[in-house]
Amino acid sequence: MRSALLFIPLLFLSLSMPLQAKDADIFSYSFPDTDGNSVALEGFRGKVVVLNFWATWCPPCIKEMPGMQRLREAMQGEPFEIVAINAGESNAAVSAFLLELDTELTFPILLDEQGLSFGTLGLRGLPTTLIYDRSGTKVETVLGGREWDSDKTIQQLKSLL
């Protein structure tokens, strides 16, 4: 809980920053899903990827989830994927949270139970979203919540296709 409190001041910021988080090769990482299967991010290479780091205790994270689902639906059939990685919570907590959501999420939900992505990727708060183009280059870091299904965001992402 103490580590969660360190990030609260950053939760309500909504900034867009080019290339601010560490430029680690995100596609070299694997994370378990809620069924315990290891998911290699390498499998998303060649797509535009919206990589969202979130937590169940984070109000802006929860608020943006339905918009992410609508974005995924708007981009259906395109080389595009949203991947949400829960930072620092147990599989049981994440699974229980997903069952209570009003919106069914059809994009991959992965787990970073130890919260290692904060140090490895230089994340400074939640939600943090990293956007990658089809060549695997990070083009944007978004700190804070966003309306993911807005016309402006959809057009920005389509321009990366």
Protein backbone atom coordinates (compact mmCIF):
# COMPACT_ATOMS: atom_id res chain seq x y z
CA MET A 1 0.00 0.00 0.00
CA ARG A 2 2.85 2.37 0.77
CA SER A 3 4.20 2.15 -2.79
CA ALA A 4 0.71 2.89 -4.09
CA LEU A 5 0.60 6.12 -2.10
CA LEU A 6 3.77 7.35 -3.76
CA PHE A 7 2.00 7.42 -7.12
CA ILE A 8 -1.27 9.08 -6.10
CA PRO A 9 -0.15 12.65 -6.94
CA LEU A 10 0.61 11.53 -10.48
CA LEU A 11 -2.64 9.68 -11.03
CA PHE A 12 -4.66 12.72 -11.94
CA LEU A 13 -2.22 14.19 -14.42
CA SER A 14 -3.03 13.71 -18.05
CA LEU A 15 0.07 14.51 -20.01
CA SER A 16 1.34 13.36 -23.34
CA MET A 17 5.10 13.09 -23.57
CA PRO A 18 7.19 11.84 -26.47
CA LEU A 19 9.67 9.14 -25.46
CA GLN A 20 9.92 9.87 -21.73
CA ALA A 21 9.89 6.38 -20.20
CA LYS A 22 13.01 4.28 -20.56
CA ASP A 23 13.36 2.99 -24.10
CA ALA A 24 13.66 -0.68 -23.17
CA ASP A 25 12.79 -3.20 -25.88
CA ILE A 26 9.32 -3.91 -24.56
CA PHE A 27 8.87 -6.71 -27.08
CA SER A 28 11.51 -8.78 -25.26
CA TYR A 29 9.28 -9.11 -22.16
CA SER A 30 6.70 -11.72 -21.21
CA PHE A 31 3.97 -11.44 -18.60
CA PRO A 32 1.45 -14.00 -17.31
CA ASP A 33 -2.22 -13.57 -18.10
CA THR A 34 -4.98 -14.20 -15.55
CA ASP A 35 -5.08 -17.87 -16.57
CA GLY A 36 -1.37 -18.27 -15.73
CA ASN A 37 -0.22 -18.50 -19.36
CA SER A 38 2.94 -16.61 -20.27
CA VAL A 39 2.30 -14.03 -23.00
CA ALA A 40 5.34 -12.80 -24.92
CA LEU A 41 4.92 -9.23 -26.12
CA GLU A 42 6.96 -10.31 -29.14
CA GLY A 43 3.70 -11.71 -30.49
CA PHE A 44 2.38 -8.14 -30.92
CA ARG A 45 5.33 -6.93 -33.00
CA GLY A 46 4.20 -5.60 -36.38
CA LYS A 47 1.06 -4.03 -34.89
CA VAL A 48 0.34 -0.62 -33.46
CA VAL A 49 0.35 -1.39 -29.73
CA VAL A 50 -1.27 0.58 -26.92
CA LEU A 51 0.43 -0.80 -23.80
CA ASN A 52 -1.45 0.35 -20.70
CA PHE A 53 -0.17 -0.05 -17.12
CA TRP A 54 -2.93 0.13 -14.53
CA ALA A 55 -4.21 -0.96 -11.10
CA THR A 56 -7.61 -1.77 -9.63
CA TRP A 57 -7.20 0.91 -6.92
CA CYS A 58 -6.57 3.66 -9.51
CA PRO A 59 -9.76 5.65 -10.39
CA PRO A 60 -8.43 7.05 -13.72
CA CYS A 61 -7.33 3.53 -14.72
CA ILE A 62 -10.81 2.15 -14.11
CA LYS A 63 -12.48 5.09 -15.85
CA GLU A 64 -10.51 4.61 -19.08
CA MET A 65 -11.09 0.85 -19.43
CA PRO A 66 -14.50 1.04 -21.22
CA GLY A 67 -13.06 3.58 -23.68
CA MET A 68 -10.16 1.24 -24.38
CA GLN A 69 -12.63 -1.53 -25.18
CA ARG A 70 -14.53 0.78 -27.56
CA LEU A 71 -11.20 1.77 -29.16
CA ARG A 72 -10.36 -1.89 -29.70
CA GLU A 73 -13.73 -2.41 -31.35
CA ALA A 74 -13.24 0.68 -33.56
CA MET A 75 -9.85 -0.67 -34.70
CA GLN A 76 -11.08 -4.24 -35.29
CA GLY A 77 -9.53 -5.80 -38.38
CA GLU A 78 -6.48 -3.50 -38.26
CA PRO A 79 -2.94 -4.49 -37.21
CA PHE A 80 -3.62 -3.04 -33.76
CA GLU A 81 -3.71 -4.27 -30.17
CA ILE A 82 -4.36 -2.93 -26.71
CA VAL A 83 -2.53 -4.75 -23.93
CA ALA A 84 -3.28 -3.85 -20.31
CA ILE A 85 -0.68 -4.82 -17.71
CA ASN A 86 -1.74 -4.65 -14.09
CA ALA A 87 1.14 -3.34 -11.99
CA GLY A 88 1.67 -4.76 -8.54
CA GLU A 89 -1.49 -6.70 -7.73
CA SER A 90 -2.25 -10.38 -7.35
CA ASN A 91 -3.99 -12.49 -9.95
CA ALA A 92 -6.86 -13.04 -7.50
CA ALA A 93 -7.39 -9.28 -7.04
CA VAL A 94 -7.29 -8.58 -10.78
CA SER A 95 -9.55 -11.51 -11.66
CA ALA A 96 -12.13 -10.45 -9.04
CA PHE A 97 -12.03 -6.88 -10.36
CA LEU A 98 -12.56 -8.00 -13.97
CA LEU A 99 -15.62 -10.03 -12.94
CA GLU A 100 -17.20 -6.91 -11.41
CA LEU A 101 -16.66 -4.61 -14.41
CA ASP A 102 -19.75 -3.60 -16.35
CA THR A 103 -17.78 -3.75 -19.62
CA GLU A 104 -16.32 -7.06 -20.80
CA LEU A 105 -12.71 -6.47 -21.83
CA THR A 106 -11.62 -8.50 -24.84
CA PHE A 107 -8.04 -7.22 -25.03
CA PRO A 108 -5.21 -9.05 -23.22
CA ILE A 109 -4.96 -8.42 -19.47
CA LEU A 110 -1.51 -9.32 -18.18
CA LEU A 111 0.03 -9.27 -14.72
CA ASP A 112 3.17 -7.69 -13.30
CA GLU A 113 2.50 -8.81 -9.74
CA GLN A 114 5.85 -7.57 -8.42
CA GLY A 115 5.52 -4.16 -10.10
CA LEU A 116 8.90 -4.60 -11.80
CA SER A 117 7.84 -2.46 -14.77
CA PHE A 118 8.20 0.68 -12.66
CA GLY A 119 11.95 0.24 -12.40
CA THR A 120 12.52 -1.51 -15.72
CA LEU A 121 10.47 0.88 -17.85
CA GLY A 122 10.77 4.00 -15.71
CA LEU A 123 7.04 4.30 -15.06
CA ARG A 124 6.24 7.20 -12.74
CA GLY A 125 2.55 6.70 -12.02
CA LEU A 126 -0.65 5.01 -13.06
CA PRO A 127 -2.15 4.87 -15.51
CA THR A 128 0.78 5.06 -17.88
CA THR A 129 0.32 4.10 -21.51
CA LEU A 130 3.09 3.50 -24.02
CA ILE A 131 2.18 3.66 -27.71
CA TYR A 132 4.28 1.79 -30.28
CA ASP A 133 4.11 1.99 -34.05
CA ARG A 134 4.20 -1.08 -36.30
CA SER A 135 8.01 -1.08 -36.40
CA GLY A 136 8.13 -1.36 -32.59
CA THR A 137 9.24 2.24 -32.00
CA LYS A 138 7.71 3.99 -29.02
CA VAL A 139 6.00 7.11 -30.34
CA GLU A 140 4.24 8.40 -27.24
CA THR A 141 4.03 8.06 -23.48
CA VAL A 142 0.74 9.06 -21.89
CA LEU A 143 0.77 9.68 -18.13
CA GLY A 144 -2.73 9.78 -16.72
CA GLY A 145 -6.12 8.86 -18.09
CA ARG A 146 -7.33 9.54 -21.62
CA GLU A 147 -10.54 9.20 -23.59
CA TRP A 148 -9.22 6.37 -25.75
CA ASP A 149 -12.25 6.23 -28.02
CA SER A 150 -12.26 9.94 -28.92
CA ASP A 151 -12.18 10.77 -32.63
CA LYS A 152 -8.83 12.53 -32.19
CA THR A 153 -7.17 9.53 -30.53
CA ILE A 154 -8.60 7.08 -33.07
CA GLN A 155 -7.29 9.24 -35.93
CA GLN A 156 -3.85 9.51 -34.29
CA LEU A 157 -3.64 5.75 -33.93
CA LYS A 158 -4.92 5.10 -37.46
CA SER A 159 -2.15 7.38 -38.78
CA LEU A 160 0.36 4.89 -37.31
CA LEU A 161 -1.10 2.01 -39.31
